[in-house]
Amino acid sequence: MDALKEMAIEEKIPAGEKNIHLLHEAFVQSIKRGGRVHEATMLIDYKLRSRDFFTDLIPGMMLFIKGKIPLLPSLIKGRQEIKRIFESVRK
């Protein structure tokens, strides 16, 4: 699915959902940074890109309060390998 999303972005095919490409970019950036998705930083990145700051604010805060969204990311071993994979795909 991510490959299809990337192809659609490259070919400038409009998405059926507003700002979905911004969410995809935030998702990929989260993986590039830590080797896995960290929901809190991904959502902050998405909210800054989309400038949609208040949608889902209450449910997001409830998830955070319940401990469902960790404040700090857990990093994986081999992040340099993930970085090399992204760099090799970019070439």
Protein backbone atom coordinates (compact mmCIF):
# COMPACT_ATOMS: atom_id res chain seq x y z
CA MET A 1 0.00 0.00 0.00
CA ASP A 2 2.81 2.41 0.82
CA ALA A 3 4.39 1.79 -2.58
CA LEU A 4 1.08 2.67 -4.26
CA LYS A 5 0.78 5.81 -2.13
CA GLU A 6 4.30 6.86 -3.10
CA MET A 7 3.54 6.23 -6.78
CA ALA A 8 0.34 8.28 -6.55
CA ILE A 9 2.21 11.14 -4.89
CA GLU A 10 4.95 11.08 -7.56
CA GLU A 11 2.37 11.07 -10.35
CA LYS A 12 0.41 13.84 -8.60
CA ILE A 13 -2.79 11.80 -8.50
CA PRO A 14 -5.20 13.60 -6.18
CA ALA A 15 -6.20 11.72 -3.06
CA GLY A 16 -9.82 10.96 -2.31
CA GLU A 17 -9.38 12.23 1.26
CA LYS A 18 -8.17 15.74 2.09
CA ASN A 19 -4.66 15.83 3.63
CA ILE A 20 -4.17 12.05 3.42
CA HIS A 21 -0.83 12.61 1.71
CA LEU A 22 0.27 14.73 4.68
CA LEU A 23 -0.59 11.89 7.06
CA HIS A 24 1.39 9.47 4.87
CA GLU A 25 4.42 11.81 4.88
CA ALA A 26 4.24 12.15 8.68
CA PHE A 27 3.99 8.34 8.98
CA VAL A 28 7.07 7.77 6.80
CA GLN A 29 9.05 10.48 8.62
CA SER A 30 8.25 8.82 11.94
CA ILE A 31 9.69 5.55 10.67
CA LYS A 32 12.76 7.30 9.27
CA ARG A 33 13.45 8.94 12.65
CA GLY A 34 13.10 5.99 14.98
CA GLY A 35 12.70 2.83 12.93
CA ARG A 36 9.03 2.48 13.91
CA VAL A 37 5.98 4.69 14.20
CA HIS A 38 5.71 6.84 17.30
CA GLU A 39 2.13 8.07 17.34
CA ALA A 40 2.69 11.26 19.33
CA THR A 41 5.43 12.69 17.12
CA MET A 42 3.69 11.45 13.98
CA LEU A 43 0.47 13.23 14.97
CA ILE A 44 2.32 16.42 15.90
CA ASP A 45 4.08 16.33 12.53
CA TYR A 46 0.75 15.74 10.75
CA LYS A 47 -1.04 18.50 12.66
CA LEU A 48 1.73 20.98 11.82
CA ARG A 49 1.68 19.99 8.13
CA SER A 50 -2.11 20.10 7.82
CA ARG A 51 -2.64 23.06 10.18
CA ASP A 52 -5.64 21.18 11.52
CA PHE A 53 -4.85 21.58 15.20
CA PHE A 54 -8.18 20.94 16.91
CA THR A 55 -9.76 18.00 15.08
CA ASP A 56 -9.63 14.92 17.32
CA LEU A 57 -8.13 16.91 20.19
CA ILE A 58 -10.41 15.45 22.90
CA PRO A 59 -10.09 11.78 21.81
CA GLY A 60 -6.32 12.25 21.44
CA MET A 61 -6.00 13.67 24.94
CA MET A 62 -8.09 10.80 26.34
CA LEU A 63 -5.78 8.25 24.66
CA PHE A 64 -2.75 10.08 26.07
CA ILE A 65 -4.21 10.21 29.58
CA LYS A 66 -5.00 6.48 29.46
CA GLY A 67 -1.39 5.78 28.48
CA LYS A 68 -2.25 4.58 24.98
CA ILE A 69 0.05 7.13 23.35
CA PRO A 70 3.51 7.09 24.93
CA LEU A 71 5.23 10.44 25.33
CA LEU A 72 8.68 9.18 24.40
CA PRO A 73 9.38 6.94 21.41
CA SER A 74 10.94 3.53 21.80
CA LEU A 75 13.82 3.27 19.39
CA ILE A 76 14.79 0.05 17.70
CA LYS A 77 18.22 -1.41 17.17
CA GLY A 78 19.44 -1.06 13.62
CA ARG A 79 18.11 2.45 12.95
CA GLN A 80 21.13 3.03 10.73
CA GLU A 81 20.00 0.12 8.57
CA ILE A 82 16.55 1.70 8.24
CA LYS A 83 18.22 4.97 7.25
CA ARG A 84 20.31 3.17 4.60
CA ILE A 85 17.18 1.50 3.21
CA PHE A 86 15.46 4.86 2.78
CA GLU A 87 18.58 6.36 1.23
CA SER A 88 18.95 3.48 -1.25
CA VAL A 89 15.30 3.78 -2.30
CA ARG A 90 15.68 7.52 -2.86
CA LYS A 91 18.51 7.01 -5.40
